[in-house]
PDB file of all heavy atoms in Angstrom:
ATOM      1  N   ILE A   1       9.467 -11.333 -14.360  1.00  0.00           N
ATOM      2  CA  ILE A   1       9.049 -11.058 -12.982  1.00  0.00           C
ATOM      3  C   ILE A   1       8.648  -9.590 -12.914  1.00  0.00           C
ATOM      4  O   ILE A   1       9.314  -8.726 -13.501  1.00  0.00           O
ATOM      5  CB  ILE A   1      10.174 -11.396 -11.965  1.00  0.00           C
ATOM      6  CG1 ILE A   1       9.724 -11.141 -10.521  1.00  0.00           C
ATOM      7  CG2 ILE A   1      11.462 -10.637 -12.284  1.00  0.00           C
ATOM      8  CD1 ILE A   1      10.688 -11.695  -9.478  1.00  0.00           C
ATOM      9  N   SER A   2       7.534  -9.313 -12.239  1.00  0.00           N
ATOM     10  CA  SER A   2       7.070  -7.925 -12.168  1.00  0.00           C
ATOM     11  C   SER A   2       6.597  -7.582 -10.761  1.00  0.00           C
ATOM     12  O   SER A   2       6.142  -8.443 -10.004  1.00  0.00           O
ATOM     13  CB  SER A   2       5.941  -7.683 -13.173  1.00  0.00           C
ATOM     14  OG  SER A   2       4.816  -8.488 -12.863  1.00  0.00           O
ATOM     15  N   ALA A   3       6.727  -6.299 -10.431  1.00  0.00           N
ATOM     16  CA  ALA A   3       6.191  -5.757  -9.182  1.00  0.00           C
ATOM     17  C   ALA A   3       4.964  -4.922  -9.542  1.00  0.00           C
ATOM     18  O   ALA A   3       5.030  -4.049 -10.410  1.00  0.00           O
ATOM     19  CB  ALA A   3       7.240  -4.886  -8.497  1.00  0.00           C
ATOM     20  N   ASN A   4       3.853  -5.231  -8.901  1.00  0.00           N
ATOM     21  CA  ASN A   4       2.592  -4.559  -9.204  1.00  0.00           C
ATOM     22  C   ASN A   4       2.097  -3.767  -7.989  1.00  0.00           C
ATOM     23  O   ASN A   4       1.722  -4.350  -6.979  1.00  0.00           O
ATOM     24  CB  ASN A   4       1.531  -5.578  -9.625  1.00  0.00           C
ATOM     25  CG  ASN A   4       1.959  -6.377 -10.846  1.00  0.00           C
ATOM     26  OD1 ASN A   4       2.679  -5.865 -11.699  1.00  0.00           O
ATOM     27  ND2 ASN A   4       1.540  -7.633 -10.920  1.00  0.00           N
ATOM     28  N   ASN A   5       2.146  -2.434  -8.096  1.00  0.00           N
ATOM     29  CA  ASN A   5       1.684  -1.541  -7.024  1.00  0.00           C
ATOM     30  C   ASN A   5       2.317  -1.857  -5.674  1.00  0.00           C
ATOM     31  O   ASN A   5       1.645  -1.865  -4.637  1.00  0.00           O
ATOM     32  CB  ASN A   5       0.153  -1.594  -6.900  1.00  0.00           C
ATOM     33  CG  ASN A   5      -0.534  -1.162  -8.175  1.00  0.00           C
ATOM     34  OD1 ASN A   5      -0.158  -0.154  -8.769  1.00  0.00           O
ATOM     35  ND2 ASN A   5      -1.516  -1.928  -8.615  1.00  0.00           N
ATOM     36  N   VAL A   6       3.622  -2.131  -5.701  1.00  0.00           N
ATOM     37  CA  VAL A   6       4.301  -2.554  -4.476  1.00  0.00           C
ATOM     38  C   VAL A   6       4.613  -1.366  -3.565  1.00  0.00           C
ATOM     39  O   VAL A   6       5.225  -0.383  -3.982  1.00  0.00           O
ATOM     40  CB  VAL A   6       5.594  -3.329  -4.815  1.00  0.00           C
ATOM     41  CG1 VAL A   6       6.506  -3.416  -3.596  1.00  0.00           C
ATOM     42  CG2 VAL A   6       5.243  -4.725  -5.309  1.00  0.00           C
ATOM     43  N   THR A   7       4.149  -1.494  -2.335  1.00  0.00           N
ATOM     44  CA  THR A   7       4.459  -0.525  -1.290  1.00  0.00           C
ATOM     45  C   THR A   7       5.069  -1.274  -0.115  1.00  0.00           C
ATOM     46  O   THR A   7       4.593  -2.360   0.245  1.00  0.00           O
ATOM     47  CB  THR A   7       3.194   0.223  -0.827  1.00  0.00           C
ATOM     48  OG1 THR A   7       2.695   1.006  -1.918  1.00  0.00           O
ATOM     49  CG2 THR A   7       3.473   1.142   0.349  1.00  0.00           C
ATOM     50  N   LEU A   8       6.136  -0.710   0.462  1.00  0.00           N
ATOM     51  CA  LEU A   8       6.725  -1.282   1.678  1.00  0.00           C
ATOM     52  C   LEU A   8       6.927  -0.157   2.671  1.00  0.00           C
ATOM     53  O   LEU A   8       7.651   0.805   2.398  1.00  0.00           O
ATOM     54  CB  LEU A   8       8.062  -1.968   1.382  1.00  0.00           C
ATOM     55  CG  LEU A   8       8.755  -2.540   2.627  1.00  0.00           C
ATOM     56  CD1 LEU A   8       7.970  -3.737   3.185  1.00  0.00           C
ATOM     57  CD2 LEU A   8      10.192  -2.921   2.351  1.00  0.00           C
ATOM     58  N   ARG A   9       6.267  -0.275   3.815  1.00  0.00           N
ATOM     59  CA  ARG A   9       6.428   0.717   4.882  1.00  0.00           C
ATOM     60  C   ARG A   9       7.178   0.085   6.044  1.00  0.00           C
ATOM     61  O   ARG A   9       6.891  -1.037   6.448  1.00  0.00           O
ATOM     62  CB  ARG A   9       5.059   1.216   5.362  1.00  0.00           C
ATOM     63  CG  ARG A   9       4.375   2.121   4.360  1.00  0.00           C
ATOM     64  CD  ARG A   9       3.211   2.899   4.959  1.00  0.00           C
ATOM     65  NE  ARG A   9       2.620   3.781   3.960  1.00  0.00           N
ATOM     66  CZ  ARG A   9       1.653   3.386   3.120  1.00  0.00           C
ATOM     67  NH1 ARG A   9       1.180   2.153   3.188  1.00  0.00           N
ATOM     68  NH2 ARG A   9       1.171   4.231   2.223  1.00  0.00           N
ATOM     69  N   ILE A  10       8.156   0.829   6.545  1.00  0.00           N
ATOM     70  CA  ILE A  10       8.878   0.404   7.738  1.00  0.00           C
ATOM     71  C   ILE A  10       8.595   1.474   8.790  1.00  0.00           C
ATOM     72  O   ILE A  10       9.101   2.587   8.704  1.00  0.00           O
ATOM     73  CB  ILE A  10      10.391   0.267   7.461  1.00  0.00           C
ATOM     74  CG1 ILE A  10      10.613  -0.825   6.392  1.00  0.00           C
ATOM     75  CG2 ILE A  10      11.139  -0.088   8.731  1.00  0.00           C
ATOM     76  CD1 ILE A  10      12.021  -0.923   5.886  1.00  0.00           C
ATOM     77  N   GLY A  11       7.717   1.117   9.728  1.00  0.00           N
ATOM     78  CA  GLY A  11       7.214   2.130  10.646  1.00  0.00           C
ATOM     79  C   GLY A  11       6.345   3.101   9.858  1.00  0.00           C
ATOM     80  O   GLY A  11       5.484   2.696   9.085  1.00  0.00           O
ATOM     81  N   LYS A  12       6.610   4.399   9.980  1.00  0.00           N
ATOM     82  CA  LYS A  12       5.836   5.397   9.237  1.00  0.00           C
ATOM     83  C   LYS A  12       6.458   5.716   7.883  1.00  0.00           C
ATOM     84  O   LYS A  12       5.836   6.362   7.041  1.00  0.00           O
ATOM     85  CB  LYS A  12       5.711   6.686  10.066  1.00  0.00           C
ATOM     86  CG  LYS A  12       4.824   6.522  11.303  1.00  0.00           C
ATOM     87  CD  LYS A  12       4.668   7.844  12.043  1.00  0.00           C
ATOM     88  CE  LYS A  12       3.737   7.670  13.251  1.00  0.00           C
ATOM     89  NZ  LYS A  12       3.588   8.944  14.003  1.00  0.00           N
ATOM     90  N   LYS A  13       7.708   5.267   7.705  1.00  0.00           N
ATOM     91  CA  LYS A  13       8.423   5.600   6.469  1.00  0.00           C
ATOM     92  C   LYS A  13       8.074   4.610   5.349  1.00  0.00           C
ATOM     93  O   LYS A  13       8.092   3.407   5.558  1.00  0.00           O
ATOM     94  CB  LYS A  13       9.925   5.583   6.712  1.00  0.00           C
ATOM     95  CG  LYS A  13      10.732   6.013   5.497  1.00  0.00           C
ATOM     96  CD  LYS A  13      12.224   5.773   5.717  1.00  0.00           C
ATOM     97  CE  LYS A  13      12.996   6.100   4.454  1.00  0.00           C
ATOM     98  NZ  LYS A  13      14.410   5.687   4.551  1.00  0.00           N
ATOM     99  N   ALA A  14       7.750   5.138   4.172  1.00  0.00           N
ATOM    100  CA  ALA A  14       7.510   4.280   3.005  1.00  0.00           C
ATOM    101  C   ALA A  14       8.823   4.145   2.239  1.00  0.00           C
ATOM    102  O   ALA A  14       9.318   5.125   1.661  1.00  0.00           O
ATOM    103  CB  ALA A  14       6.434   4.881   2.116  1.00  0.00           C
ATOM    104  N   LEU A  15       9.397   2.952   2.275  1.00  0.00           N
ATOM    105  CA  LEU A  15      10.641   2.725   1.527  1.00  0.00           C
ATOM    106  C   LEU A  15      10.327   2.637   0.032  1.00  0.00           C
ATOM    107  O   LEU A  15      11.081   3.136  -0.800  1.00  0.00           O
ATOM    108  CB  LEU A  15      11.315   1.435   2.015  1.00  0.00           C
ATOM    109  CG  LEU A  15      12.772   1.237   1.592  1.00  0.00           C
ATOM    110  CD1 LEU A  15      13.645   2.403   2.046  1.00  0.00           C
ATOM    111  CD2 LEU A  15      13.320  -0.067   2.168  1.00  0.00           C
ATOM    112  N   PHE A  16       9.186   2.002  -0.289  1.00  0.00           N
ATOM    113  CA  PHE A  16       8.689   1.953  -1.672  1.00  0.00           C
ATOM    114  C   PHE A  16       7.210   2.327  -1.672  1.00  0.00           C
ATOM    115  O   PHE A  16       6.474   1.931  -0.771  1.00  0.00           O
ATOM    116  CB  PHE A  16       8.867   0.554  -2.265  1.00  0.00           C
ATOM    117  CG  PHE A  16      10.302   0.125  -2.371  1.00  0.00           C
ATOM    118  CD1 PHE A  16      10.823  -0.807  -1.498  1.00  0.00           C
ATOM    119  CD2 PHE A  16      11.146   0.673  -3.327  1.00  0.00           C
ATOM    120  CE1 PHE A  16      12.143  -1.187  -1.564  1.00  0.00           C
ATOM    121  CE2 PHE A  16      12.470   0.294  -3.415  1.00  0.00           C
ATOM    122  CZ  PHE A  16      12.974  -0.633  -2.529  1.00  0.00           C
ATOM    123  N   GLU A  17       6.785   3.060  -2.691  1.00  0.00           N
ATOM    124  CA  GLU A  17       5.400   3.528  -2.765  1.00  0.00           C
ATOM    125  C   GLU A  17       4.844   3.286  -4.170  1.00  0.00           C
ATOM    126  O   GLU A  17       5.293   3.881  -5.147  1.00  0.00           O
ATOM    127  CB  GLU A  17       5.353   5.026  -2.447  1.00  0.00           C
ATOM    128  CG  GLU A  17       3.946   5.570  -2.264  1.00  0.00           C
ATOM    129  CD  GLU A  17       3.403   5.350  -0.858  1.00  0.00           C
ATOM    130  OE1 GLU A  17       3.997   5.836   0.105  1.00  0.00           O
ATOM    131  OE2 GLU A  17       2.358   4.674  -0.754  1.00  0.00           O
ATOM    132  N   ASP A  18       3.885   2.337  -4.261  1.00  0.00           N
ATOM    133  CA  ASP A  18       3.196   2.048  -5.541  1.00  0.00           C
ATOM    134  C   ASP A  18       4.177   1.833  -6.703  1.00  0.00           C
ATOM    135  O   ASP A  18       4.079   2.476  -7.744  1.00  0.00           O
ATOM    136  CB  ASP A  18       2.224   3.172  -5.897  1.00  0.00           C
ATOM    137  CG  ASP A  18       1.041   3.224  -4.946  1.00  0.00           C
ATOM    138  OD1 ASP A  18       0.646   2.154  -4.456  1.00  0.00           O
ATOM    139  OD2 ASP A  18       0.537   4.331  -4.672  1.00  0.00           O
ATOM    140  N   VAL A  19       5.116   0.931  -6.497  1.00  0.00           N
ATOM    141  CA  VAL A  19       6.115   0.637  -7.533  1.00  0.00           C
ATOM    142  C   VAL A  19       5.538  -0.348  -8.546  1.00  0.00           C
ATOM    143  O   VAL A  19       5.016  -1.404  -8.183  1.00  0.00           O
ATOM    144  CB  VAL A  19       7.403   0.056  -6.908  1.00  0.00           C
ATOM    145  CG1 VAL A  19       8.323  -0.499  -7.991  1.00  0.00           C
ATOM    146  CG2 VAL A  19       8.114   1.128  -6.093  1.00  0.00           C
ATOM    147  N   ASN A  20       5.629   0.010  -9.816  1.00  0.00           N
ATOM    148  CA  ASN A  20       5.233  -0.886 -10.907  1.00  0.00           C
ATOM    149  C   ASN A  20       6.414  -1.017 -11.859  1.00  0.00           C
ATOM    150  O   ASN A  20       6.863  -0.027 -12.442  1.00  0.00           O
ATOM    151  CB  ASN A  20       4.029  -0.321 -11.672  1.00  0.00           C
ATOM    152  CG  ASN A  20       2.763  -0.408 -10.850  1.00  0.00           C
ATOM    153  OD1 ASN A  20       2.140  -1.458 -10.740  1.00  0.00           O
ATOM    154  ND2 ASN A  20       2.376   0.717 -10.254  1.00  0.00           N
ATOM    155  N   ILE A  21       6.927  -2.237 -11.989  1.00  0.00           N
ATOM    156  CA  ILE A  21       8.067  -2.443 -12.875  1.00  0.00           C
ATOM    157  C   ILE A  21       8.083  -3.891 -13.357  1.00  0.00           C
ATOM    158  O   ILE A  21       7.667  -4.796 -12.625  1.00  0.00           O
ATOM    159  CB  ILE A  21       9.399  -2.081 -12.155  1.00  0.00           C
ATOM    160  CG1 ILE A  21      10.571  -2.043 -13.137  1.00  0.00           C
ATOM    161  CG2 ILE A  21       9.671  -3.006 -10.987  1.00  0.00           C
ATOM    162  CD1 ILE A  21      11.824  -1.391 -12.564  1.00  0.00           C
ATOM    163  N   LYS A  22       8.528  -4.079 -14.577  1.00  0.00           N
ATOM    164  CA  LYS A  22       8.553  -5.421 -15.173  1.00  0.00           C
ATOM    165  C   LYS A  22       9.973  -5.719 -15.653  1.00  0.00           C
ATOM    166  O   LYS A  22      10.602  -4.888 -16.312  1.00  0.00           O
ATOM    167  CB  LYS A  22       7.576  -5.475 -16.350  1.00  0.00           C
ATOM    168  CG  LYS A  22       7.399  -6.850 -16.967  1.00  0.00           C
ATOM    169  CD  LYS A  22       6.478  -6.797 -18.182  1.00  0.00           C
ATOM    170  CE  LYS A  22       5.041  -6.483 -17.785  1.00  0.00           C
ATOM    171  NZ  LYS A  22       4.124  -6.492 -18.950  1.00  0.00           N
ATOM    172  N   PHE A  23      10.474  -6.917 -15.310  1.00  0.00           N
ATOM    173  CA  PHE A  23      11.797  -7.366 -15.739  1.00  0.00           C
ATOM    174  C   PHE A  23      11.617  -8.559 -16.675  1.00  0.00           C
ATOM    175  O   PHE A  23      11.012  -9.562 -16.283  1.00  0.00           O
ATOM    176  CB  PHE A  23      12.636  -7.782 -14.529  1.00  0.00           C
ATOM    177  CG  PHE A  23      12.789  -6.694 -13.485  1.00  0.00           C
ATOM    178  CD1 PHE A  23      11.972  -6.694 -12.351  1.00  0.00           C
ATOM    179  CD2 PHE A  23      13.726  -5.694 -13.626  1.00  0.00           C
ATOM    180  CE1 PHE A  23      12.112  -5.703 -11.384  1.00  0.00           C
ATOM    181  CE2 PHE A  23      13.869  -4.696 -12.659  1.00  0.00           C
ATOM    182  CZ  PHE A  23      13.054  -4.696 -11.540  1.00  0.00           C
ATOM    183  N   THR A  24      12.131  -8.449 -17.894  1.00  0.00           N
ATOM    184  CA  THR A  24      11.837  -9.468 -18.914  1.00  0.00           C
ATOM    185  C   THR A  24      13.074 -10.252 -19.349  1.00  0.00           C
ATOM    186  O   THR A  24      14.216  -9.859 -19.084  1.00  0.00           O
ATOM    187  CB  THR A  24      11.199  -8.801 -20.144  1.00  0.00           C
ATOM    188  OG1 THR A  24      12.081  -7.784 -20.633  1.00  0.00           O
ATOM    189  CG2 THR A  24       9.857  -8.169 -19.805  1.00  0.00           C
ATOM    190  N   GLU A  25      12.802 -11.366 -20.044  1.00  0.00           N
ATOM    191  CA  GLU A  25      13.846 -12.285 -20.478  1.00  0.00           C
ATOM    192  C   GLU A  25      14.854 -11.606 -21.405  1.00  0.00           C
ATOM    193  O   GLU A  25      14.509 -10.725 -22.189  1.00  0.00           O
ATOM    194  CB  GLU A  25      13.238 -13.487 -21.225  1.00  0.00           C
ATOM    195  CG  GLU A  25      12.537 -14.517 -20.342  1.00  0.00           C
ATOM    196  CD  GLU A  25      11.100 -14.132 -20.016  1.00  0.00           C
ATOM    197  OE1 GLU A  25      10.675 -13.024 -20.407  1.00  0.00           O
ATOM    198  OE2 GLU A  25      10.406 -14.925 -19.349  1.00  0.00           O
TER     199      GLU A  25
END
């Protein structure tokens, strides 16, 4: 499972910004 360029904004605050990470078997 991987996150590709994940950004999460809550209001004006970015909790995550352009996160790229891969989790492998």
